[in-house]
PDB file of all heavy atoms in Angstrom:
ATOM      1  N   ILE A   1     -21.163   4.799  19.343  1.00  0.00           N
ATOM      2  CA  ILE A   1     -20.775   5.739  18.299  1.00  0.00           C
ATOM      3  C   ILE A   1     -21.886   5.822  17.264  1.00  0.00           C
ATOM      4  O   ILE A   1     -22.423   4.807  16.822  1.00  0.00           O
ATOM      5  CB  ILE A   1     -19.463   5.294  17.631  1.00  0.00           C
ATOM      6  CG1 ILE A   1     -18.340   5.266  18.675  1.00  0.00           C
ATOM      7  CG2 ILE A   1     -19.094   6.209  16.475  1.00  0.00           C
ATOM      8  CD1 ILE A   1     -17.034   4.719  18.138  1.00  0.00           C
ATOM      9  N   GLY A   2     -22.220   7.019  16.878  1.00  0.00           N
ATOM     10  CA  GLY A   2     -23.300   7.221  15.921  1.00  0.00           C
ATOM     11  C   GLY A   2     -22.912   6.813  14.515  1.00  0.00           C
ATOM     12  O   GLY A   2     -21.739   6.526  14.224  1.00  0.00           O
ATOM     13  N   ASP A   3     -23.890   6.768  13.641  1.00  0.00           N
ATOM     14  CA  ASP A   3     -23.634   6.421  12.243  1.00  0.00           C
ATOM     15  C   ASP A   3     -22.772   7.487  11.580  1.00  0.00           C
ATOM     16  O   ASP A   3     -22.831   8.674  11.927  1.00  0.00           O
ATOM     17  CB  ASP A   3     -24.960   6.295  11.476  1.00  0.00           C
ATOM     18  CG  ASP A   3     -25.809   5.139  12.001  1.00  0.00           C
ATOM     19  OD1 ASP A   3     -25.217   4.190  12.551  1.00  0.00           O
ATOM     20  OD2 ASP A   3     -27.051   5.204  11.864  1.00  0.00           O
ATOM     21  N   ALA A   4     -21.973   7.060  10.609  1.00  0.00           N
ATOM     22  CA  ALA A   4     -21.128   7.991   9.871  1.00  0.00           C
ATOM     23  C   ALA A   4     -21.988   8.968   9.073  1.00  0.00           C
ATOM     24  O   ALA A   4     -23.032   8.603   8.537  1.00  0.00           O
ATOM     25  CB  ALA A   4     -20.200   7.228   8.935  1.00  0.00           C
ATOM     26  N   GLY A   5     -21.531  10.194   9.033  1.00  0.00           N
ATOM     27  CA  GLY A   5     -22.262  11.210   8.285  1.00  0.00           C
ATOM     28  C   GLY A   5     -22.053  11.062   6.785  1.00  0.00           C
ATOM     29  O   GLY A   5     -21.225  10.274   6.319  1.00  0.00           O
ATOM     30  N   ALA A   6     -22.815  11.823   6.034  1.00  0.00           N
ATOM     31  CA  ALA A   6     -22.701  11.786   4.569  1.00  0.00           C
ATOM     32  C   ALA A   6     -21.359  12.347   4.126  1.00  0.00           C
ATOM     33  O   ALA A   6     -20.762  13.187   4.801  1.00  0.00           O
ATOM     34  CB  ALA A   6     -23.847  12.578   3.946  1.00  0.00           C
ATOM     35  N   LEU A   7     -20.846  11.865   2.998  1.00  0.00           N
ATOM     36  CA  LEU A   7     -19.592  12.363   2.454  1.00  0.00           C
ATOM     37  C   LEU A   7     -19.731  13.830   2.084  1.00  0.00           C
ATOM     38  O   LEU A   7     -20.747  14.257   1.533  1.00  0.00           O
ATOM     39  CB  LEU A   7     -19.191  11.561   1.207  1.00  0.00           C
ATOM     40  CG  LEU A   7     -18.786  10.104   1.439  1.00  0.00           C
ATOM     41  CD1 LEU A   7     -18.506   9.425   0.103  1.00  0.00           C
ATOM     42  CD2 LEU A   7     -17.556  10.022   2.320  1.00  0.00           C
ATOM     43  N   GLY A   8     -18.693  14.581   2.382  1.00  0.00           N
ATOM     44  CA  GLY A   8     -18.699  15.993   2.036  1.00  0.00           C
ATOM     45  C   GLY A   8     -18.363  16.200   0.570  1.00  0.00           C
ATOM     46  O   GLY A   8     -18.001  15.256  -0.153  1.00  0.00           O
ATOM     47  N   PRO A   9     -18.454  17.424   0.078  1.00  0.00           N
ATOM     48  CA  PRO A   9     -18.142  17.699  -1.328  1.00  0.00           C
ATOM     49  C   PRO A   9     -16.657  17.530  -1.609  1.00  0.00           C
ATOM     50  O   PRO A   9     -15.827  17.592  -0.693  1.00  0.00           O
ATOM     51  CB  PRO A   9     -18.573  19.169  -1.491  1.00  0.00           C
ATOM     52  CG  PRO A   9     -18.477  19.736  -0.105  1.00  0.00           C
ATOM     53  CD  PRO A   9     -18.851  18.623   0.820  1.00  0.00           C
ATOM     54  N   LYS A  10     -16.305  17.298  -2.849  1.00  0.00           N
ATOM     55  CA  LYS A  10     -14.906  17.164  -3.235  1.00  0.00           C
ATOM     56  C   LYS A  10     -14.164  18.464  -2.958  1.00  0.00           C
ATOM     57  O   LYS A  10     -14.692  19.551  -3.163  1.00  0.00           O
ATOM     58  CB  LYS A  10     -14.782  16.830  -4.727  1.00  0.00           C
ATOM     59  CG  LYS A  10     -15.222  15.416  -5.082  1.00  0.00           C
ATOM     60  CD  LYS A  10     -14.965  15.137  -6.554  1.00  0.00           C
ATOM     61  CE  LYS A  10     -15.349  13.696  -6.907  1.00  0.00           C
ATOM     62  NZ  LYS A  10     -15.083  13.406  -8.329  1.00  0.00           N
ATOM     63  N   GLY A  11     -12.938  18.322  -2.481  1.00  0.00           N
ATOM     64  CA  GLY A  11     -12.120  19.497  -2.216  1.00  0.00           C
ATOM     65  C   GLY A  11     -11.676  20.168  -3.511  1.00  0.00           C
ATOM     66  O   GLY A  11     -11.770  19.606  -4.604  1.00  0.00           O
ATOM     67  N   LYS A  12     -11.139  21.363  -3.366  1.00  0.00           N
ATOM     68  CA  LYS A  12     -10.742  22.121  -4.546  1.00  0.00           C
ATOM     69  C   LYS A  12      -9.573  21.494  -5.289  1.00  0.00           C
ATOM     70  O   LYS A  12      -9.340  21.784  -6.451  1.00  0.00           O
ATOM     71  CB  LYS A  12     -10.380  23.548  -4.135  1.00  0.00           C
ATOM     72  CG  LYS A  12      -9.195  23.628  -3.183  1.00  0.00           C
ATOM     73  CD  LYS A  12      -8.889  25.072  -2.816  1.00  0.00           C
ATOM     74  CE  LYS A  12      -7.696  25.163  -1.877  1.00  0.00           C
ATOM     75  NZ  LYS A  12      -7.390  26.569  -1.522  1.00  0.00           N
ATOM     76  N   ASP A  13      -8.808  20.608  -4.599  1.00  0.00           N
ATOM     77  CA  ASP A  13      -7.646  19.990  -5.226  1.00  0.00           C
ATOM     78  C   ASP A  13      -7.958  18.628  -5.831  1.00  0.00           C
ATOM     79  O   ASP A  13      -7.072  17.961  -6.341  1.00  0.00           O
ATOM     80  CB  ASP A  13      -6.512  19.844  -4.208  1.00  0.00           C
ATOM     81  CG  ASP A  13      -5.965  21.180  -3.748  1.00  0.00           C
ATOM     82  OD1 ASP A  13      -5.893  22.095  -4.577  1.00  0.00           O
ATOM     83  OD2 ASP A  13      -5.625  21.276  -2.568  1.00  0.00           O
ATOM     84  N   ALA A  14      -9.216  18.184  -5.760  1.00  0.00           N
ATOM     85  CA  ALA A  14      -9.553  16.856  -6.260  1.00  0.00           C
ATOM     86  C   ALA A  14      -9.248  16.719  -7.747  1.00  0.00           C
ATOM     87  O   ALA A  14      -8.885  15.652  -8.225  1.00  0.00           O
ATOM     88  CB  ALA A  14     -11.028  16.557  -5.994  1.00  0.00           C
ATOM     89  N   SER A  15      -9.382  17.795  -8.499  1.00  0.00           N
ATOM     90  CA  SER A  15      -9.179  17.723  -9.940  1.00  0.00           C
ATOM     91  C   SER A  15      -7.719  17.533 -10.312  1.00  0.00           C
ATOM     92  O   SER A  15      -7.405  17.264 -11.467  1.00  0.00           O
ATOM     93  CB  SER A  15      -9.715  19.003 -10.600  1.00  0.00           C
ATOM     94  OG  SER A  15      -9.010  20.129 -10.103  1.00  0.00           O
ATOM     95  N   THR A  16      -6.795  17.706  -9.352  1.00  0.00           N
ATOM     96  CA  THR A  16      -5.376  17.549  -9.671  1.00  0.00           C
ATOM     97  C   THR A  16      -4.952  16.089  -9.677  1.00  0.00           C
ATOM     98  O   THR A  16      -3.830  15.782 -10.041  1.00  0.00           O
ATOM     99  CB  THR A  16      -4.510  18.321  -8.665  1.00  0.00           C
ATOM    100  OG1 THR A  16      -4.703  17.773  -7.359  1.00  0.00           O
ATOM    101  CG2 THR A  16      -4.883  19.791  -8.650  1.00  0.00           C
ATOM    102  N   PHE A  17      -5.825  15.167  -9.266  1.00  0.00           N
ATOM    103  CA  PHE A  17      -5.522  13.746  -9.266  1.00  0.00           C
ATOM    104  C   PHE A  17      -5.997  13.092 -10.559  1.00  0.00           C
ATOM    105  O   PHE A  17      -7.063  13.414 -11.072  1.00  0.00           O
ATOM    106  CB  PHE A  17      -6.232  13.048  -8.108  1.00  0.00           C
ATOM    107  CG  PHE A  17      -5.434  13.030  -6.834  1.00  0.00           C
ATOM    108  CD1 PHE A  17      -6.095  13.030  -5.614  1.00  0.00           C
ATOM    109  CD2 PHE A  17      -4.058  13.002  -6.829  1.00  0.00           C
ATOM    110  CE1 PHE A  17      -5.383  12.992  -4.427  1.00  0.00           C
ATOM    111  CE2 PHE A  17      -3.340  12.966  -5.662  1.00  0.00           C
ATOM    112  CZ  PHE A  17      -4.008  12.963  -4.454  1.00  0.00           C
ATOM    113  N   ILE A  18      -5.215  12.147 -11.057  1.00  0.00           N
ATOM    114  CA  ILE A  18      -5.652  11.311 -12.170  1.00  0.00           C
ATOM    115  C   ILE A  18      -5.342   9.858 -11.824  1.00  0.00           C
ATOM    116  O   ILE A  18      -4.390   9.568 -11.094  1.00  0.00           O
ATOM    117  CB  ILE A  18      -4.962  11.685 -13.496  1.00  0.00           C
ATOM    118  CG1 ILE A  18      -3.440  11.511 -13.394  1.00  0.00           C
ATOM    119  CG2 ILE A  18      -5.334  13.082 -13.938  1.00  0.00           C
ATOM    120  CD1 ILE A  18      -2.726  11.641 -14.721  1.00  0.00           C
ATOM    121  N   LYS A  19      -6.160   8.951 -12.319  1.00  0.00           N
ATOM    122  CA  LYS A  19      -5.922   7.518 -12.115  1.00  0.00           C
ATOM    123  C   LYS A  19      -4.877   7.069 -13.121  1.00  0.00           C
ATOM    124  O   LYS A  19      -5.050   7.216 -14.322  1.00  0.00           O
ATOM    125  CB  LYS A  19      -7.219   6.734 -12.328  1.00  0.00           C
ATOM    126  CG  LYS A  19      -7.082   5.249 -12.054  1.00  0.00           C
ATOM    127  CD  LYS A  19      -6.974   4.980 -10.571  1.00  0.00           C
ATOM    128  CE  LYS A  19      -6.972   3.478 -10.268  1.00  0.00           C
ATOM    129  NZ  LYS A  19      -5.758   2.802 -10.763  1.00  0.00           N
ATOM    130  N   ASN A  20      -3.759   6.539 -12.626  1.00  0.00           N
ATOM    131  CA  ASN A  20      -2.678   6.149 -13.527  1.00  0.00           C
ATOM    132  C   ASN A  20      -1.807   5.100 -12.856  1.00  0.00           C
ATOM    133  O   ASN A  20      -0.902   5.418 -12.100  1.00  0.00           O
ATOM    134  CB  ASN A  20      -1.831   7.368 -13.921  1.00  0.00           C
ATOM    135  CG  ASN A  20      -0.876   7.043 -15.056  1.00  0.00           C
ATOM    136  OD1 ASN A  20      -1.229   6.321 -15.989  1.00  0.00           O
ATOM    137  ND2 ASN A  20       0.329   7.571 -14.990  1.00  0.00           N
ATOM    138  N   GLY A  21      -2.106   3.819 -13.108  1.00  0.00           N
ATOM    139  CA  GLY A  21      -1.328   2.740 -12.524  1.00  0.00           C
ATOM    140  C   GLY A  21      -1.830   2.359 -11.149  1.00  0.00           C
ATOM    141  O   GLY A  21      -2.779   2.937 -10.612  1.00  0.00           O
ATOM    142  N   THR A  22      -1.152   1.384 -10.559  1.00  0.00           N
ATOM    143  CA  THR A  22      -1.520   0.934  -9.226  1.00  0.00           C
ATOM    144  C   THR A  22      -0.310   0.336  -8.524  1.00  0.00           C
ATOM    145  O   THR A  22       0.550  -0.278  -9.161  1.00  0.00           O
ATOM    146  CB  THR A  22      -2.659  -0.112  -9.282  1.00  0.00           C
ATOM    147  OG1 THR A  22      -3.010  -0.506  -7.963  1.00  0.00           O
ATOM    148  CG2 THR A  22      -2.227  -1.338 -10.052  1.00  0.00           C
ATOM    149  N   VAL A  23      -0.244   0.544  -7.212  1.00  0.00           N
ATOM    150  CA  VAL A  23       0.748  -0.119  -6.375  1.00  0.00           C
ATOM    151  C   VAL A  23       0.011  -0.608  -5.132  1.00  0.00           C
ATOM    152  O   VAL A  23      -0.762   0.132  -4.522  1.00  0.00           O
ATOM    153  CB  VAL A  23       1.916   0.823  -5.990  1.00  0.00           C
ATOM    154  CG1 VAL A  23       1.425   2.065  -5.259  1.00  0.00           C
ATOM    155  CG2 VAL A  23       2.939   0.078  -5.140  1.00  0.00           C
ATOM    156  N   SER A  24       0.208  -1.864  -4.802  1.00  0.00           N
ATOM    157  CA  SER A  24      -0.445  -2.435  -3.629  1.00  0.00           C
ATOM    158  C   SER A  24       0.613  -3.059  -2.734  1.00  0.00           C
ATOM    159  O   SER A  24       1.731  -3.349  -3.169  1.00  0.00           O
ATOM    160  CB  SER A  24      -1.485  -3.484  -4.036  1.00  0.00           C
ATOM    161  OG  SER A  24      -0.872  -4.545  -4.753  1.00  0.00           O
ATOM    162  N   GLY A  25       0.245  -3.263  -1.490  1.00  0.00           N
ATOM    163  CA  GLY A  25       1.206  -3.842  -0.570  1.00  0.00           C
ATOM    164  C   GLY A  25       0.581  -4.264   0.732  1.00  0.00           C
ATOM    165  O   GLY A  25      -0.555  -3.909   1.049  1.00  0.00           O
ATOM    166  N   LYS A  26       1.347  -5.041   1.479  1.00  0.00           N
ATOM    167  CA  LYS A  26       0.954  -5.479   2.817  1.00  0.00           C
ATOM    168  C   LYS A  26       2.070  -5.089   3.772  1.00  0.00           C
ATOM    169  O   LYS A  26       3.246  -5.365   3.528  1.00  0.00           O
ATOM    170  CB  LYS A  26       0.712  -6.983   2.866  1.00  0.00           C
ATOM    171  CG  LYS A  26       0.446  -7.513   4.273  1.00  0.00           C
ATOM    172  CD  LYS A  26       0.179  -9.008   4.285  1.00  0.00           C
ATOM    173  CE  LYS A  26      -1.192  -9.317   3.751  1.00  0.00           C
ATOM    174  NZ  LYS A  26      -1.548 -10.757   3.929  1.00  0.00           N
ATOM    175  N   ILE A  27       1.700  -4.448   4.877  1.00  0.00           N
ATOM    176  CA  ILE A  27       2.644  -4.026   5.905  1.00  0.00           C
ATOM    177  C   ILE A  27       2.502  -4.969   7.088  1.00  0.00           C
ATOM    178  O   ILE A  27       1.422  -5.091   7.671  1.00  0.00           O
ATOM    179  CB  ILE A  27       2.373  -2.581   6.354  1.00  0.00           C
ATOM    180  CG1 ILE A  27       2.393  -1.629   5.150  1.00  0.00           C
ATOM    181  CG2 ILE A  27       3.399  -2.141   7.391  1.00  0.00           C
ATOM    182  CD1 ILE A  27       1.920  -0.230   5.479  1.00  0.00           C
ATOM    183  N   THR A  28       3.575  -5.656   7.443  1.00  0.00           N
ATOM    184  CA  THR A  28       3.539  -6.581   8.577  1.00  0.00           C
ATOM    185  C   THR A  28       4.646  -6.242   9.559  1.00  0.00           C
ATOM    186  O   THR A  28       5.705  -5.733   9.184  1.00  0.00           O
ATOM    187  CB  THR A  28       3.688  -8.043   8.111  1.00  0.00           C
ATOM    188  OG1 THR A  28       4.913  -8.173   7.366  1.00  0.00           O
ATOM    189  CG2 THR A  28       2.528  -8.450   7.228  1.00  0.00           C
ATOM    190  N   GLY A  29       4.399  -6.530  10.808  1.00  0.00           N
ATOM    191  CA  GLY A  29       5.359  -6.248  11.873  1.00  0.00           C
ATOM    192  C   GLY A  29       4.624  -6.175  13.192  1.00  0.00           C
ATOM    193  O   GLY A  29       3.700  -6.947  13.441  1.00  0.00           O
ATOM    194  N   PHE A  30       5.035  -5.216  14.034  1.00  0.00           N
ATOM    195  CA  PHE A  30       4.396  -5.035  15.331  1.00  0.00           C
ATOM    196  C   PHE A  30       4.199  -3.550  15.602  1.00  0.00           C
ATOM    197  O   PHE A  30       4.931  -2.706  15.083  1.00  0.00           O
ATOM    198  CB  PHE A  30       5.239  -5.645  16.456  1.00  0.00           C
ATOM    199  CG  PHE A  30       5.351  -7.138  16.364  1.00  0.00           C
ATOM    200  CD1 PHE A  30       6.411  -7.724  15.690  1.00  0.00           C
ATOM    201  CD2 PHE A  30       4.382  -7.943  16.943  1.00  0.00           C
ATOM    202  CE1 PHE A  30       6.516  -9.105  15.601  1.00  0.00           C
ATOM    203  CE2 PHE A  30       4.477  -9.325  16.846  1.00  0.00           C
ATOM    204  CZ  PHE A  30       5.543  -9.902  16.172  1.00  0.00           C
ATOM    205  N   ARG A  31       3.223  -3.266  16.430  1.00  0.00           N
ATOM    206  CA  ARG A  31       2.996  -1.887  16.844  1.00  0.00           C
ATOM    207  C   ARG A  31       4.022  -1.487  17.895  1.00  0.00           C
ATOM    208  O   ARG A  31       4.920  -2.238  18.243  1.00  0.00           O
ATOM    209  CB  ARG A  31       1.572  -1.718  17.379  1.00  0.00           C
ATOM    210  CG  ARG A  31       0.508  -1.914  16.306  1.00  0.00           C
ATOM    211  CD  ARG A  31      -0.862  -1.562  16.858  1.00  0.00           C
ATOM    212  NE  ARG A  31      -1.906  -1.881  15.894  1.00  0.00           N
ATOM    213  CZ  ARG A  31      -3.199  -1.792  16.155  1.00  0.00           C
ATOM    214  NH1 ARG A  31      -3.605  -1.385  17.342  1.00  0.00           N
ATOM    215  NH2 ARG A  31      -4.090  -2.106  15.238  1.00  0.00           N
ATOM    216  N   LYS A  32       3.838  -0.287  18.414  1.00  0.00           N
ATOM    217  CA  LYS A  32       4.835   0.293  19.307  1.00  0.00           C
ATOM    218  C   LYS A  32       5.071  -0.537  20.561  1.00  0.00           C
ATOM    219  O   LYS A  32       6.169  -0.561  21.112  1.00  0.00           O
ATOM    220  CB  LYS A  32       4.387   1.701  19.698  1.00  0.00           C
ATOM    221  CG  LYS A  32       5.436   2.520  20.433  1.00  0.00           C
ATOM    222  CD  LYS A  32       4.947   3.937  20.636  1.00  0.00           C
ATOM    223  CE  LYS A  32       6.006   4.780  21.323  1.00  0.00           C
ATOM    224  NZ  LYS A  32       5.573   6.172  21.493  1.00  0.00           N
ATOM    225  N   ASP A  33       4.031  -1.251  21.015  1.00  0.00           N
ATOM    226  CA  ASP A  33       4.193  -2.043  22.228  1.00  0.00           C
ATOM    227  C   ASP A  33       5.038  -3.289  22.018  1.00  0.00           C
ATOM    228  O   ASP A  33       5.392  -3.983  22.970  1.00  0.00           O
ATOM    229  CB  ASP A  33       2.831  -2.429  22.815  1.00  0.00           C
ATOM    230  CG  ASP A  33       1.977  -3.237  21.833  1.00  0.00           C
ATOM    231  OD1 ASP A  33       2.517  -3.687  20.798  1.00  0.00           O
ATOM    232  OD2 ASP A  33       0.777  -3.395  22.103  1.00  0.00           O
ATOM    233  N   GLY A  34       5.370  -3.599  20.767  1.00  0.00           N
ATOM    234  CA  GLY A  34       6.185  -4.761  20.469  1.00  0.00           C
ATOM    235  C   GLY A  34       5.450  -6.073  20.582  1.00  0.00           C
ATOM    236  O   GLY A  34       6.050  -7.131  20.430  1.00  0.00           O
ATOM    237  N   ILE A  35       4.148  -6.028  20.847  1.00  0.00           N
ATOM    238  CA  ILE A  35       3.353  -7.236  21.045  1.00  0.00           C
ATOM    239  C   ILE A  35       2.205  -7.324  20.036  1.00  0.00           C
ATOM    240  O   ILE A  35       1.981  -8.370  19.430  1.00  0.00           O
ATOM    241  CB  ILE A  35       2.786  -7.284  22.483  1.00  0.00           C
ATOM    242  CG1 ILE A  35       3.931  -7.266  23.506  1.00  0.00           C
ATOM    243  CG2 ILE A  35       1.901  -8.499  22.676  1.00  0.00           C
ATOM    244  CD1 ILE A  35       3.461  -7.133  24.936  1.00  0.00           C
ATOM    245  N   THR A  36       1.505  -6.222  19.860  1.00  0.00           N
ATOM    246  CA  THR A  36       0.328  -6.208  18.987  1.00  0.00           C
ATOM    247  C   THR A  36       0.751  -6.351  17.528  1.00  0.00           C
ATOM    248  O   THR A  36       1.530  -5.531  17.038  1.00  0.00           O
ATOM    249  CB  THR A  36      -0.475  -4.917  19.161  1.00  0.00           C
ATOM    250  OG1 THR A  36      -0.764  -4.713  20.547  1.00  0.00           O
ATOM    251  CG2 THR A  36      -1.770  -4.967  18.358  1.00  0.00           C
ATOM    252  N   PRO A  37       0.264  -7.364  16.807  1.00  0.00           N
ATOM    253  CA  PRO A  37       0.670  -7.555  15.406  1.00  0.00           C
ATOM    254  C   PRO A  37       0.204  -6.396  14.522  1.00  0.00           C
ATOM    255  O   PRO A  37      -0.843  -5.786  14.751  1.00  0.00           O
ATOM    256  CB  PRO A  37      -0.038  -8.854  15.005  1.00  0.00           C
ATOM    257  CG  PRO A  37      -0.368  -9.531  16.297  1.00  0.00           C
ATOM    258  CD  PRO A  37      -0.627  -8.436  17.277  1.00  0.00           C
ATOM    259  N   LEU A  38       1.004  -6.106  13.532  1.00  0.00           N
ATOM    260  CA  LEU A  38       0.671  -5.099  12.522  1.00  0.00           C
ATOM    261  C   LEU A  38       0.487  -5.834  11.204  1.00  0.00           C
ATOM    262  O   LEU A  38       1.407  -6.476  10.710  1.00  0.00           O
ATOM    263  CB  LEU A  38       1.797  -4.076  12.403  1.00  0.00           C
ATOM    264  CG  LEU A  38       1.586  -2.926  11.420  1.00  0.00           C
ATOM    265  CD1 LEU A  38       0.457  -2.030  11.906  1.00  0.00           C
ATOM    266  CD2 LEU A  38       2.866  -2.118  11.280  1.00  0.00           C
ATOM    267  N   ASN A  39      -0.703  -5.755  10.638  1.00  0.00           N
ATOM    268  CA  ASN A  39      -1.014  -6.464   9.396  1.00  0.00           C
ATOM    269  C   ASN A  39      -2.004  -5.610   8.604  1.00  0.00           C
ATOM    270  O   ASN A  39      -3.211  -5.721   8.768  1.00  0.00           O
ATOM    271  CB  ASN A  39      -1.592  -7.836   9.701  1.00  0.00           C
ATOM    272  CG  ASN A  39      -1.663  -8.723   8.476  1.00  0.00           C
ATOM    273  OD1 ASN A  39      -1.510  -8.258   7.345  1.00  0.00           O
ATOM    274  ND2 ASN A  39      -1.912 -10.006   8.678  1.00  0.00           N
ATOM    275  N   GLU A  40      -1.477  -4.736   7.760  1.00  0.00           N
ATOM    276  CA  GLU A  40      -2.307  -3.764   7.049  1.00  0.00           C
ATOM    277  C   GLU A  40      -2.081  -3.861   5.544  1.00  0.00           C
ATOM    278  O   GLU A  40      -0.955  -4.068   5.080  1.00  0.00           O
ATOM    279  CB  GLU A  40      -1.980  -2.339   7.511  1.00  0.00           C
ATOM    280  CG  GLU A  40      -2.193  -2.101   9.003  1.00  0.00           C
ATOM    281  CD  GLU A  40      -3.651  -2.182   9.391  1.00  0.00           C
ATOM    282  OE1 GLU A  40      -4.511  -1.789   8.571  1.00  0.00           O
ATOM    283  OE2 GLU A  40      -3.946  -2.643  10.517  1.00  0.00           O
ATOM    284  N   ASN A  41      -3.149  -3.718   4.777  1.00  0.00           N
ATOM    285  CA  ASN A  41      -3.071  -3.728   3.318  1.00  0.00           C
ATOM    286  C   ASN A  41      -3.367  -2.330   2.769  1.00  0.00           C
ATOM    287  O   ASN A  41      -4.189  -1.601   3.333  1.00  0.00           O
ATOM    288  CB  ASN A  41      -4.091  -4.719   2.741  1.00  0.00           C
ATOM    289  CG  ASN A  41      -3.783  -6.153   3.128  1.00  0.00           C
ATOM    290  OD1 ASN A  41      -2.757  -6.699   2.741  1.00  0.00           O
ATOM    291  ND2 ASN A  41      -4.665  -6.761   3.894  1.00  0.00           N
TER     292      ASN A  41
END
């Protein structure tokens, strides 16, 4: 796989976002096969 390309320009809706607070979490469980662990932050 080739190197990642450069980031594109901000979309027209980017200005509608503001930084305000934070929520974090960890998702644990299994994937659809019921075997592969799911561990995502």
